[in-house]
C-alpha atoms as a PDB file:
ATOM      1  CA  MET A   1       0.000   0.000   0.000  1.00  0.00           C
ATOM      2  CA  VAL A   2       1.328   3.433  -0.902  1.00  0.00           C
ATOM      3  CA  TYR A   3       0.604   6.408   1.313  1.00  0.00           C
ATOM      4  CA  GLY A   4       0.795   9.732  -0.488  1.00  0.00           C
ATOM      5  CA  GLY A   5       2.345  12.821   0.933  1.00  0.00           C
ATOM      6  CA  TYR A   6       5.128  13.001   3.429  1.00  0.00           C
ATOM      7  CA  ILE A   7       5.622  11.731   6.925  1.00  0.00           C
ATOM      8  CA  MET A   8       6.692  14.811   8.791  1.00  0.00           C
ATOM      9  CA  GLY A   9       9.116  14.278  11.612  1.00  0.00           C
ATOM     10  CA  GLU A  10      10.632  11.144  10.094  1.00  0.00           C
ATOM     11  CA  GLN A  11      14.142  12.152   9.185  1.00  0.00           C
ATOM     12  CA  GLU A  12      17.219  10.385   7.930  1.00  0.00           C
ATOM     13  CA  LYS A  13      20.611  11.409   9.257  1.00  0.00           C
ATOM     14  CA  ILE A  14      23.337  12.004   6.680  1.00  0.00           C
ATOM     15  CA  THR A  15      27.048  12.650   6.904  1.00  0.00           C
ATOM     16  CA  LEU A  16      28.384  15.616   5.011  1.00  0.00           C
ATOM     17  CA  ASN A  17      32.034  16.347   4.311  1.00  0.00           C
ATOM     18  CA  LEU A  18      32.834  20.059   4.076  1.00  0.00           C
ATOM     19  CA  SER A  19      36.062  21.991   3.998  1.00  0.00           C
ATOM     20  CA  SER A  20      36.954  23.811   7.192  1.00  0.00           C
ATOM     21  CA  VAL A  21      36.492  27.130   5.374  1.00  0.00           C
ATOM     22  CA  ASP A  22      32.956  26.226   4.230  1.00  0.00           C
ATOM     23  CA  LEU A  23      32.083  25.079   7.733  1.00  0.00           C
ATOM     24  CA  ALA A  24      33.511  28.305   9.164  1.00  0.00           C
ATOM     25  CA  LYS A  25      31.361  30.355   6.774  1.00  0.00           C
ATOM     26  CA  ILE A  26      28.261  28.454   7.894  1.00  0.00           C
ATOM     27  CA  ASP A  27      29.167  29.002  11.548  1.00  0.00           C
ATOM     28  CA  PHE A  28      29.706  32.705  10.871  1.00  0.00           C
ATOM     29  CA  LEU A  29      26.259  33.021   9.214  1.00  0.00           C
ATOM     30  CA  VAL A  30      24.694  31.209  12.179  1.00  0.00           C
ATOM     31  CA  GLU A  31      26.459  33.513  14.629  1.00  0.00           C
ATOM     32  CA  GLN A  32      25.277  36.555  12.653  1.00  0.00           C
ATOM     33  CA  GLY A  33      21.683  35.347  13.017  1.00  0.00           C
ATOM     34  CA  PHE A  34      20.977  34.416   9.396  1.00  0.00           C
ATOM     35  CA  TYR A  35      20.289  30.807  10.435  1.00  0.00           C
ATOM     36  CA  SER A  36      19.465  29.198  13.761  1.00  0.00           C
ATOM     37  CA  SER A  37      21.946  26.341  13.324  1.00  0.00           C
ATOM     38  CA  ARG A  38      24.147  24.501  10.850  1.00  0.00           C
ATOM     39  CA  SER A  39      21.230  22.159  10.169  1.00  0.00           C
ATOM     40  CA  ASP A  40      18.955  25.125   9.452  1.00  0.00           C
ATOM     41  CA  PHE A  41      21.495  26.427   6.911  1.00  0.00           C
ATOM     42  CA  ILE A  42      21.789  23.030   5.191  1.00  0.00           C
ATOM     43  CA  ARG A  43      18.008  22.437   5.103  1.00  0.00           C
ATOM     44  CA  THR A  44      17.515  25.932   3.639  1.00  0.00           C
ATOM     45  CA  ALA A  45      20.179  25.299   0.997  1.00  0.00           C
ATOM     46  CA  ILE A  46      18.531  22.002   0.061  1.00  0.00           C
ATOM     47  CA  ARG A  47      15.068  23.581  -0.194  1.00  0.00           C
ATOM     48  CA  ASN A  48      16.527  26.323  -2.405  1.00  0.00           C
ATOM     49  CA  GLN A  49      17.973  23.675  -4.719  1.00  0.00           C
ATOM     50  CA  PHE A  50      14.606  21.900  -4.842  1.00  0.00           C
ATOM     51  CA  ARG A  51      13.018  25.203  -5.879  1.00  0.00           C
ATOM     52  CA  ALA A  52      15.696  25.664  -8.559  1.00  0.00           C
ATOM     53  CA  HIS A  53      14.866  22.198  -9.923  1.00  0.00           C
ATOM     54  CA  GLU A  54      11.109  22.376  -9.327  1.00  0.00           C
ATOM     55  CA  ALA A  55      10.282  21.069 -12.808  1.00  0.00           C
ATOM     56  CA  VAL A  56      12.082  17.822 -11.998  1.00  0.00           C
ATOM     57  CA  VAL A  57      11.328  17.263  -8.298  1.00  0.00           C
ATOM     58  CA  SER A  58       7.821  18.665  -7.849  1.00  0.00           C
ATOM     59  CA  ASP A  59       5.289  16.196  -6.447  1.00  0.00           C
ATOM     60  CA  GLU A  60       3.499  16.183  -9.807  1.00  0.00           C
ATOM     61  CA  SER A  61       6.693  15.468 -11.744  1.00  0.00           C
ATOM     62  CA  LEU A  62       7.695  12.649  -9.412  1.00  0.00           C
ATOM     63  CA  LYS A  63       4.216  11.106  -9.590  1.00  0.00           C
ATOM     64  CA  GLU A  64       4.446  11.205 -13.391  1.00  0.00           C
ATOM     65  CA  VAL A  65       7.801   9.402 -13.243  1.00  0.00           C
ATOM     66  CA  VAL A  66       6.267   6.662 -11.090  1.00  0.00           C
ATOM     67  CA  ALA A  67       3.175   6.409 -13.313  1.00  0.00           C
ATOM     68  CA  ARG A  68       5.345   5.983 -16.427  1.00  0.00           C
ATOM     69  CA  LYS A  69       7.391   3.307 -14.680  1.00  0.00           C
ATOM     70  CA  LYS A  70       4.245   1.414 -13.643  1.00  0.00           C
ATOM     71  CA  GLU A  71       2.696   1.788 -17.099  1.00  0.00           C
ATOM     72  CA  ALA A  72       5.840   0.444 -18.766  1.00  0.00           C
ATOM     73  CA  ASP A  73       5.857  -2.652 -16.560  1.00  0.00           C
ATOM     74  CA  LYS A  74       2.698  -3.927 -14.877  1.00  0.00           C
ATOM     75  CA  LYS A  75       4.752  -5.850 -12.312  1.00  0.00           C
ATOM     76  CA  THR A  76       6.040  -2.588 -10.844  1.00  0.00           C
ATOM     77  CA  ILE A  77       4.654  -1.525  -7.466  1.00  0.00           C
ATOM     78  CA  GLY A  78       5.459   1.653  -5.584  1.00  0.00           C
ATOM     79  CA  GLY A  79       4.867   5.350  -5.664  1.00  0.00           C
ATOM     80  CA  VAL A  80       5.770   8.655  -4.083  1.00  0.00           C
ATOM     81  CA  GLY A  81       5.594   8.511  -0.305  1.00  0.00           C
ATOM     82  CA  VAL A  82       5.717   5.294   1.703  1.00  0.00           C
ATOM     83  CA  LEU A  83       5.422   1.727   0.408  1.00  0.00           C
ATOM     84  CA  LYS A  84       4.910  -0.749   3.249  1.00  0.00           C
ATOM     85  CA  LEU A  85       5.291  -4.447   2.464  1.00  0.00           C
ATOM     86  CA  SER A  86       3.841  -6.975   4.880  1.00  0.00           C
ATOM     87  CA  LYS A  87       4.478 -10.690   5.136  1.00  0.00           C
ATOM     88  CA  GLU A  88       0.848 -11.266   4.111  1.00  0.00           C
ATOM     89  CA  GLN A  89       1.219  -9.193   0.913  1.00  0.00           C
ATOM     90  CA  LEU A  90       4.446 -10.905  -0.084  1.00  0.00           C
ATOM     91  CA  GLU A  91       2.944 -14.346   0.612  1.00  0.00           C
ATOM     92  CA  LYS A  92       0.030 -13.503  -1.727  1.00  0.00           C
ATOM     93  CA  TYR A  93       2.478 -12.516  -4.461  1.00  0.00           C
ATOM     94  CA  SER A  94       4.416 -15.720  -3.822  1.00  0.00           C
ATOM     95  CA  LEU A  95       1.297 -17.905  -4.123  1.00  0.00           C
ATOM     96  CA  MET A  96       0.557 -16.256  -7.485  1.00  0.00           C
ATOM     97  CA  ASN A  97       4.203 -16.777  -8.583  1.00  0.00           C
ATOM     98  CA  PHE A  98       4.340 -13.008  -9.034  1.00  0.00           C
ATOM     99  CA  ARG A  99       7.771 -11.374  -8.864  1.00  0.00           C
ATOM    100  CA  VAL A 100       7.517  -7.637  -8.270  1.00  0.00           C
ATOM    101  CA  LYS A 101       9.623  -4.682  -9.256  1.00  0.00           C
ATOM    102  CA  ILE A 102       9.689  -1.951  -6.637  1.00  0.00           C
ATOM    103  CA  PHE A 103       9.990   1.724  -7.554  1.00  0.00           C
ATOM    104  CA  VAL A 104       9.716   4.128  -4.628  1.00  0.00           C
ATOM    105  CA  ILE A 105      10.475   7.799  -4.217  1.00  0.00           C
ATOM    106  CA  GLY A 106      10.288   8.197  -0.464  1.00  0.00           C
ATOM    107  CA  SER A 107      10.447   5.273   1.918  1.00  0.00           C
ATOM    108  CA  LEU A 108      10.205   1.494   1.568  1.00  0.00           C
ATOM    109  CA  ILE A 109       9.281  -0.349   4.748  1.00  0.00           C
ATOM    110  CA  VAL A 110       9.418  -4.141   4.882  1.00  0.00           C
ATOM    111  CA  ASP A 111       7.828  -5.533   8.045  1.00  0.00           C
ATOM    112  CA  ASP A 112      10.192  -7.244  10.484  1.00  0.00           C
ATOM    113  CA  ASP A 113       8.332 -10.572  10.291  1.00  0.00           C
ATOM    114  CA  VAL A 114       9.088 -10.975   6.558  1.00  0.00           C
ATOM    115  CA  PRO A 115      11.509 -13.889   6.071  1.00  0.00           C
ATOM    116  CA  VAL A 116      14.539 -13.152   3.896  1.00  0.00           C
ATOM    117  CA  GLU A 117      13.715 -16.127   1.652  1.00  0.00           C
ATOM    118  CA  LEU A 118      10.233 -14.732   0.960  1.00  0.00           C
ATOM    119  CA  ALA A 119      11.606 -11.313   0.062  1.00  0.00           C
ATOM    120  CA  LYS A 120      14.142 -12.898  -2.294  1.00  0.00           C
ATOM    121  CA  LYS A 121      11.454 -15.058  -3.894  1.00  0.00           C
ATOM    122  CA  VAL A 122       9.066 -12.166  -4.554  1.00  0.00           C
ATOM    123  CA  ILE A 123      11.185  -9.036  -5.077  1.00  0.00           C
ATOM    124  CA  LYS A 124      12.795  -9.171  -8.515  1.00  0.00           C
ATOM    125  CA  GLU A 125      14.052  -5.587  -8.881  1.00  0.00           C
ATOM    126  CA  ALA A 126      14.114  -2.501  -6.700  1.00  0.00           C
ATOM    127  CA  LYS A 127      14.844   1.173  -7.102  1.00  0.00           C
ATOM    128  CA  VAL A 128      14.361   3.213  -3.951  1.00  0.00           C
ATOM    129  CA  TYR A 129      15.112   6.919  -3.887  1.00  0.00           C
ATOM    130  CA  GLY A 130      15.108   7.614  -0.178  1.00  0.00           C
ATOM    131  CA  LYS A 131      15.081   5.306   2.812  1.00  0.00           C
ATOM    132  CA  ILE A 132      14.779   1.537   3.194  1.00  0.00           C
ATOM    133  CA  THR A 133      13.612   0.182   6.540  1.00  0.00           C
ATOM    134  CA  ALA A 134      13.904  -3.593   6.798  1.00  0.00           C
ATOM    135  CA  LEU A 135      15.830  -6.355   8.495  1.00  0.00           C
ATOM    136  CA  PRO A 136      19.530  -5.937   7.680  1.00  0.00           C
ATOM    137  CA  GLU A 137      19.609  -8.979   5.360  1.00  0.00           C
ATOM    138  CA  ILE A 138      16.558  -7.807   3.412  1.00  0.00           C
ATOM    139  CA  LYS A 139      17.872  -4.249   3.244  1.00  0.00           C
ATOM    140  CA  TYR A 140      21.177  -5.558   1.854  1.00  0.00           C
ATOM    141  CA  TYR A 141      19.328  -7.709  -0.703  1.00  0.00           C
ATOM    142  CA  ILE A 142      17.165  -4.791  -1.868  1.00  0.00           C
ATOM    143  CA  LYS A 143      20.157  -2.463  -2.129  1.00  0.00           C
ATOM    144  CA  ARG A 144      21.926  -5.055  -4.309  1.00  0.00           C
ATOM    145  CA  LEU A 145      18.898  -5.112  -6.621  1.00  0.00           C
ATOM    146  CA  THR A 146      18.910  -1.361  -7.087  1.00  0.00           C
ATOM    147  CA  THR A 147      19.266  -0.639 -10.772  1.00  0.00           C
END
């Protein structure tokens, strides 16, 4: 099942390598009151880049990308937002001998009770732009499938 929109508050931590001069400039802007913190500066910079590339990363554009992907291959499941895969769903696909291709822009969540063997049997391909939440073995398998 795909849930549209965004889950506010759910954040992914990233590591960012910056030169000491760039970091100093950010700290100076924070001290001068332009931003409340380094994180505020970075989030603002990212949002500005999203605005600069609005034609590519708008919700409408991303939904069109997903729709084209699904139209091109009927075995593709996914969407923009959150795709949550349960053991029950994957077992149904398995009983139908249906191997799925996953295409998600957002977050893929595979329930913790999903056996690795079942995931490998059902998930044929995967492309996830964003975050994967799953047991480590399943997460590793899905990342290896990423095309």
